[in-house]
Amino acid sequence: MRVVLCGVRGSTPAPGAEFVRYGGHTSCVAIAHDADRHPSLVLDGGTGLRRVTELLTGEPFRGTLLLGHLHWDHTHGIPFFSGGDRPDARVSLYLPEQRSADGPMGDDAAAVLARAMSPPHFPIGPHELRGQWSFSTLAEGRHSFEGFHVLALEIPHKGGRTLGFRVSDGSGSLAYLSDHSPATLGPGPDGFGAYHPAAMRLAEGVDLLLHDSQYTAPEFEARRDFGHSAVEYAVGLADAAGVGQLVLFHHDPSRTDDQIDAVVAACQGGSSPVSAAAEGTVLTLPAGDRERLRQHQ
């Protein structure tokens, strides 16, 4: 399968000359089968969703959009996705099933999304998007979307239910934990959080791990309750889970290109190769021998 990184920044977009090489758009990853020209599965709808339109070469989007959670930086691209907001588009949007301590809340998916996307916060609501849009909730478990196998599991993240995803096509596999706060479940072996069962199950043996890397170790203590991971946790999880390639994701909006370069340089030497997510990167999976992953900028 073919994976395109369309938005890699966390929390809020980061425009400016110091953020050009890695990009300032927020979370969005487009996935296509090798035999297909266009992506049909998209993870998250941050401002990077606008870049998915470029991949469609003038055609409408016909596929599935999975939202890991509903924070602004993962939904702001939805009404600006021109490839999906056109009469001939088909978009099946899924967001995490909302739960309380007593179980599923049964909230209508479009109504949940409309809390942020409707007047007076935005000029239109979800049902006013053009094309054939459907809105559904997604529970934990195994699913099939657009010919891909998807495992969705809840992972800790502050401020709303959050799902991590494992996606495979029978040959290649990736794990996507864009916003992950493992320290919520305890300090773990190194103080950055536990390698808990959901994280391990999602990441174990995948060709590619895209993981929240918002903070460095010196930054983490003052921000451990902000809902994100330390870079060092991502590296430790990749080694513990035996992944083929770790790509640091969800960069802090204030982290410049040069600073990201320094973060990556400090991460070398582990059992899993480490790089930083950059907008426009295309990753072709599988990468079973750790050298088959082809990265194009």
Protein backbone atom coordinates (compact mmCIF):
# COMPACT_ATOMS: atom_id res chain seq x y z
CA MET A 1 0.00 0.00 0.00
CA ARG A 2 0.97 3.62 -0.52
CA VAL A 3 0.91 6.09 2.38
CA VAL A 4 1.03 9.86 1.83
CA LEU A 5 1.69 12.21 4.74
CA CYS A 6 -0.55 15.22 4.09
CA GLY A 7 -0.41 16.92 7.50
CA VAL A 8 2.09 16.17 10.27
CA ARG A 9 1.86 19.09 12.72
CA GLY A 10 0.11 18.95 16.09
CA SER A 11 -2.29 21.23 17.95
CA THR A 12 -2.46 24.12 15.46
CA PRO A 13 -1.06 24.88 11.99
CA ALA A 14 2.44 26.33 11.85
CA PRO A 15 2.98 28.66 8.88
CA GLY A 16 6.27 30.41 8.20
CA ALA A 17 9.72 30.03 6.70
CA GLU A 18 11.04 27.99 9.64
CA PHE A 19 8.44 25.25 9.09
CA VAL A 20 8.66 24.70 5.33
CA ARG A 21 10.64 21.47 5.11
CA TYR A 22 8.48 19.45 7.50
CA GLY A 23 5.29 21.41 6.91
CA GLY A 24 2.73 23.23 9.00
CA HIS A 25 -0.55 21.45 8.20
CA THR A 26 -2.19 19.41 10.95
CA SER A 27 -2.82 15.68 11.05
CA CYS A 28 -3.90 13.84 7.91
CA VAL A 29 -2.63 10.64 6.27
CA ALA A 30 -3.92 9.32 2.92
CA ILE A 31 -3.67 5.61 2.04
CA ALA A 32 -4.05 3.92 -1.34
CA HIS A 33 -3.76 0.38 -2.63
CA ASP A 34 -0.73 -0.13 -4.86
CA ALA A 35 -2.96 -0.74 -7.87
CA ASP A 36 -5.05 2.39 -7.33
CA ARG A 37 -4.22 5.84 -8.62
CA HIS A 38 -5.97 7.65 -5.80
CA PRO A 39 -6.24 7.21 -2.02
CA SER A 40 -9.46 5.74 -0.67
CA LEU A 41 -8.75 5.69 3.07
CA VAL A 42 -7.82 8.83 5.01
CA LEU A 43 -6.83 9.02 8.67
CA ASP A 44 -7.86 12.30 10.31
CA GLY A 45 -9.22 15.50 8.85
CA GLY A 46 -6.79 18.19 9.99
CA THR A 47 -5.81 21.04 7.68
CA GLY A 48 -3.64 18.55 5.79
CA LEU A 49 -6.86 17.15 4.33
CA ARG A 50 -6.69 19.96 1.79
CA ARG A 51 -3.61 18.26 0.33
CA VAL A 52 -5.55 15.07 -0.36
CA THR A 53 -7.40 16.92 -3.13
CA GLU A 54 -4.08 17.31 -4.97
CA LEU A 55 -3.65 13.53 -4.98
CA LEU A 56 -6.98 13.02 -6.75
CA THR A 57 -5.83 14.67 -10.01
CA GLY A 58 -9.18 16.31 -10.59
CA GLU A 59 -11.32 13.33 -9.62
CA PRO A 60 -13.74 13.33 -6.67
CA PHE A 61 -12.86 11.56 -3.47
CA ARG A 62 -14.70 8.29 -3.05
CA GLY A 63 -13.70 6.60 0.15
CA THR A 64 -13.59 6.60 3.93
CA LEU A 65 -12.35 9.20 6.41
CA LEU A 66 -11.54 7.93 9.92
CA LEU A 67 -11.20 10.48 12.72
CA GLY A 68 -9.05 9.36 15.62
CA HIS A 69 -10.66 12.02 17.83
CA LEU A 70 -12.44 15.33 17.53
CA HIS A 71 -10.00 18.03 18.57
CA TRP A 72 -9.87 21.02 16.21
CA ASP A 73 -6.51 20.12 14.67
CA HIS A 74 -8.03 16.83 13.46
CA THR A 75 -11.26 18.21 12.02
CA HIS A 76 -10.57 21.71 10.67
CA GLY A 77 -9.79 20.47 7.18
CA ILE A 78 -13.16 18.79 6.63
CA PRO A 79 -15.15 21.75 5.21
CA PHE A 80 -12.13 22.78 3.11
CA PHE A 81 -11.68 19.35 1.49
CA SER A 82 -12.68 20.32 -2.04
CA GLY A 83 -12.14 16.77 -3.32
CA GLY A 84 -14.91 15.63 -1.01
CA ASP A 85 -17.10 18.74 -1.12
CA ARG A 86 -18.42 18.32 -4.65
CA PRO A 87 -21.60 16.75 -6.07
CA ASP A 88 -19.95 13.58 -7.36
CA ALA A 89 -17.98 12.77 -4.19
CA ARG A 90 -18.68 9.92 -1.76
CA VAL A 91 -17.30 10.28 1.76
CA SER A 92 -18.01 7.83 4.58
CA LEU A 93 -16.87 9.60 7.76
CA TYR A 94 -16.41 7.71 11.03
CA LEU A 95 -15.65 9.24 14.42
CA PRO A 96 -15.07 7.53 17.77
CA GLU A 97 -18.16 6.15 19.45
CA GLN A 98 -18.88 8.48 22.35
CA ARG A 99 -18.95 6.71 25.71
CA SER A 100 -19.63 7.52 29.33
CA ALA A 101 -18.90 5.52 32.45
CA ASP A 102 -22.17 3.68 31.81
CA GLY A 103 -21.31 2.66 28.24
CA PRO A 104 -22.01 3.97 24.71
CA MET A 105 -23.90 7.27 24.68
CA GLY A 106 -25.66 6.64 21.37
CA ASP A 107 -24.97 10.16 20.11
CA ASP A 108 -25.61 10.81 16.43
CA ALA A 109 -22.23 11.16 14.68
CA ALA A 110 -23.21 14.18 12.58
CA ALA A 111 -24.63 15.92 15.63
CA VAL A 112 -21.37 15.37 17.52
CA LEU A 113 -19.34 16.80 14.65
CA ALA A 114 -21.75 19.73 14.34
CA ARG A 115 -20.87 20.91 17.84
CA ALA A 116 -17.81 22.52 16.28
CA MET A 117 -18.91 22.68 12.63
CA SER A 118 -22.16 24.66 12.49
CA PRO A 119 -23.30 28.24 13.11
CA PRO A 120 -22.23 30.29 14.99
CA HIS A 121 -18.84 28.53 14.96
CA PHE A 122 -18.86 27.81 11.20
CA PRO A 123 -21.19 28.88 8.35
CA ILE A 124 -22.45 25.37 7.50
CA GLY A 125 -23.05 22.07 9.22
CA PRO A 126 -21.92 18.57 8.21
CA HIS A 127 -25.06 17.77 6.20
CA GLU A 128 -24.52 20.84 4.03
CA LEU A 129 -21.33 19.45 2.50
CA ARG A 130 -21.89 18.61 -1.15
CA GLY A 131 -21.80 15.06 -2.41
CA GLN A 132 -22.80 11.84 -0.72
CA TRP A 133 -21.59 12.11 2.86
CA SER A 134 -22.46 9.63 5.59
CA PHE A 135 -21.62 10.03 9.28
CA SER A 136 -21.18 7.07 11.62
CA THR A 137 -19.59 6.21 14.93
CA LEU A 138 -16.75 3.71 15.22
CA ALA A 139 -16.35 1.25 18.08
CA GLU A 140 -13.18 -0.52 19.13
CA GLY A 141 -12.43 -3.69 17.22
CA ARG A 142 -11.69 -4.99 13.75
CA HIS A 143 -13.22 -3.34 10.71
CA SER A 144 -12.95 -3.39 6.93
CA PHE A 145 -12.85 -0.13 4.97
CA GLU A 146 -12.12 0.27 1.26
CA GLY A 147 -10.39 -3.11 1.11
CA PHE A 148 -8.14 -2.37 4.13
CA HIS A 149 -8.20 -4.21 7.45
CA VAL A 150 -8.42 -1.72 10.32
CA LEU A 151 -7.99 -2.42 14.02
CA ALA A 152 -9.27 0.47 16.17
CA LEU A 153 -8.35 0.59 19.86
CA GLU A 154 -8.83 3.30 22.46
CA ILE A 155 -5.64 5.01 23.62
CA PRO A 156 -5.28 7.63 26.36
CA HIS A 157 -5.43 11.29 25.27
CA LYS A 158 -6.78 14.23 27.21
CA GLY A 159 -10.14 15.75 26.37
CA GLY A 160 -12.22 13.17 24.54
CA ARG A 161 -12.26 9.56 23.46
CA THR A 162 -9.36 8.78 21.12
CA LEU A 163 -8.71 5.81 18.87
CA GLY A 164 -5.42 4.56 17.49
CA PHE A 165 -5.46 2.59 14.25
CA ARG A 166 -3.61 -0.35 12.77
CA VAL A 167 -4.12 -0.58 9.00
CA SER A 168 -3.07 -3.43 6.72
CA ASP A 169 -3.82 -4.72 3.26
CA GLY A 170 -2.61 -8.27 3.75
CA SER A 171 0.98 -7.43 2.96
CA GLY A 172 2.01 -4.07 4.45
CA SER A 173 0.95 -2.59 7.78
CA LEU A 174 1.06 0.68 9.66
CA ALA A 175 0.11 1.87 13.13
CA TYR A 176 -1.21 5.39 13.66
CA LEU A 177 -1.11 6.82 17.20
CA SER A 178 -1.21 10.50 16.41
CA ASP A 179 -2.24 11.78 19.88
CA HIS A 180 -1.21 9.50 22.72
CA SER A 181 -0.75 10.18 26.44
CA PRO A 182 0.62 6.93 27.89
CA ALA A 183 1.78 8.68 31.07
CA THR A 184 -1.91 8.79 32.02
CA LEU A 185 -1.60 5.04 32.72
CA GLY A 186 1.53 5.31 34.82
CA PRO A 187 5.17 6.31 34.47
CA GLY A 188 6.31 3.18 32.66
CA PRO A 189 9.92 1.99 32.61
CA ASP A 190 11.46 5.37 31.73
CA GLY A 191 9.01 7.86 33.20
CA PHE A 192 7.38 8.71 29.85
CA GLY A 193 4.45 6.31 30.15
CA ALA A 194 3.56 2.66 30.05
CA TYR A 195 3.85 0.42 27.01
CA HIS A 196 0.26 -0.54 27.61
CA PRO A 197 -1.61 -3.38 25.86
CA ALA A 198 -3.49 -1.22 23.32
CA ALA A 199 -0.31 0.54 22.17
CA MET A 200 1.56 -2.75 21.90
CA ARG A 201 -1.24 -4.46 20.04
CA LEU A 202 -1.50 -1.64 17.52
CA ALA A 203 2.24 -1.34 16.96
CA GLU A 204 3.56 -4.88 17.27
CA GLY A 205 5.54 -5.86 14.18
CA VAL A 206 4.15 -3.18 11.85
CA ASP A 207 6.18 -1.95 8.92
CA LEU A 208 5.53 1.68 9.83
CA LEU A 209 4.68 3.40 13.12
CA LEU A 210 3.43 7.00 12.99
CA HIS A 211 3.51 8.18 16.60
CA ASP A 212 2.84 11.32 18.61
CA SER A 213 6.22 12.94 19.31
CA GLN A 214 5.18 16.39 20.45
CA TYR A 215 7.66 16.82 23.32
CA THR A 216 11.29 16.10 24.04
CA ALA A 217 12.40 14.66 27.36
CA PRO A 218 13.39 18.06 28.86
CA GLU A 219 9.98 19.49 27.89
CA PHE A 220 7.92 16.57 29.03
CA GLU A 221 7.78 16.94 32.82
CA ALA A 222 6.13 20.37 32.65
CA ARG A 223 3.69 19.12 30.00
CA ARG A 224 3.01 15.50 30.99
CA ASP A 225 -0.69 16.24 31.58
CA PHE A 226 -1.18 18.01 28.23
CA GLY A 227 -2.17 14.74 26.55
CA HIS A 228 0.85 13.93 24.39
CA SER A 229 3.97 11.78 24.23
CA ALA A 230 7.67 12.33 24.53
CA VAL A 231 9.86 11.49 21.55
CA GLU A 232 11.70 9.05 23.78
CA TYR A 233 8.49 7.13 24.45
CA ALA A 234 7.87 6.72 20.72
CA VAL A 235 11.40 5.38 20.25
CA GLY A 236 10.99 2.97 23.18
CA LEU A 237 7.62 1.72 21.92
CA ALA A 238 9.05 1.15 18.44
CA ASP A 239 11.89 -0.92 19.88
CA ALA A 240 9.61 -2.86 22.23
CA ALA A 241 7.10 -3.61 19.47
CA GLY A 242 9.69 -4.50 16.83
CA VAL A 243 8.46 -2.08 14.18
CA GLY A 244 10.17 -1.69 10.84
CA GLN A 245 10.31 2.10 10.79
CA LEU A 246 9.36 4.82 13.27
CA VAL A 247 8.23 8.14 11.84
CA LEU A 248 7.91 10.90 14.45
CA PHE A 249 4.53 12.62 14.00
CA HIS A 250 2.40 15.45 15.44
CA HIS A 251 5.32 17.88 15.75
CA ASP A 252 4.89 20.67 18.26
CA PRO A 253 3.72 23.80 16.41
CA SER A 254 6.68 25.81 17.70
CA ARG A 255 9.33 23.24 16.67
CA THR A 256 11.27 24.52 13.67
CA ASP A 257 12.72 22.45 10.85
CA ASP A 258 16.23 22.73 12.29
CA GLN A 259 15.00 21.68 15.72
CA ILE A 260 13.25 18.64 14.24
CA ASP A 261 16.52 17.73 12.50
CA ALA A 262 18.23 17.79 15.89
CA VAL A 263 15.52 15.63 17.47
CA VAL A 264 15.91 13.00 14.75
CA ALA A 265 19.71 13.03 15.06
CA ALA A 266 19.41 12.37 18.79
CA CYS A 267 17.18 9.32 18.18
CA GLN A 268 19.56 7.25 16.11
CA GLY A 269 21.08 4.01 17.34
CA GLY A 270 18.01 2.05 18.36
CA SER A 271 16.72 -1.13 16.78
CA SER A 272 14.14 0.74 14.64
CA PRO A 273 15.18 3.39 12.09
CA VAL A 274 13.80 6.81 13.04
CA SER A 275 12.81 9.73 10.83
CA ALA A 276 10.48 12.70 11.12
CA ALA A 277 7.19 13.03 9.28
CA ALA A 278 7.25 15.62 6.50
CA GLU A 279 4.35 16.79 4.39
CA GLY A 280 4.35 15.26 0.93
CA THR A 281 6.35 12.19 1.89
CA VAL A 282 5.19 8.99 0.18
CA LEU A 283 5.85 5.71 1.97
CA THR A 284 5.42 2.43 0.12
CA LEU A 285 4.75 -0.65 2.23
CA PRO A 286 5.52 -3.45 3.05
CA ALA A 287 8.93 -2.92 4.55
CA GLY A 288 9.53 -6.24 6.23
CA ASP A 289 13.32 -6.31 6.00
CA ARG A 290 13.55 -2.67 7.15
CA GLU A 291 15.22 -1.71 3.90
CA ARG A 292 12.20 -2.10 1.63
CA LEU A 293 10.55 1.07 2.87
CA ARG A 294 10.91 3.63 0.10
CA GLN A 295 10.67 7.24 1.15
CA HIS A 296 10.24 9.98 -1.46
CA GLN A 297 10.19 13.69 -0.75
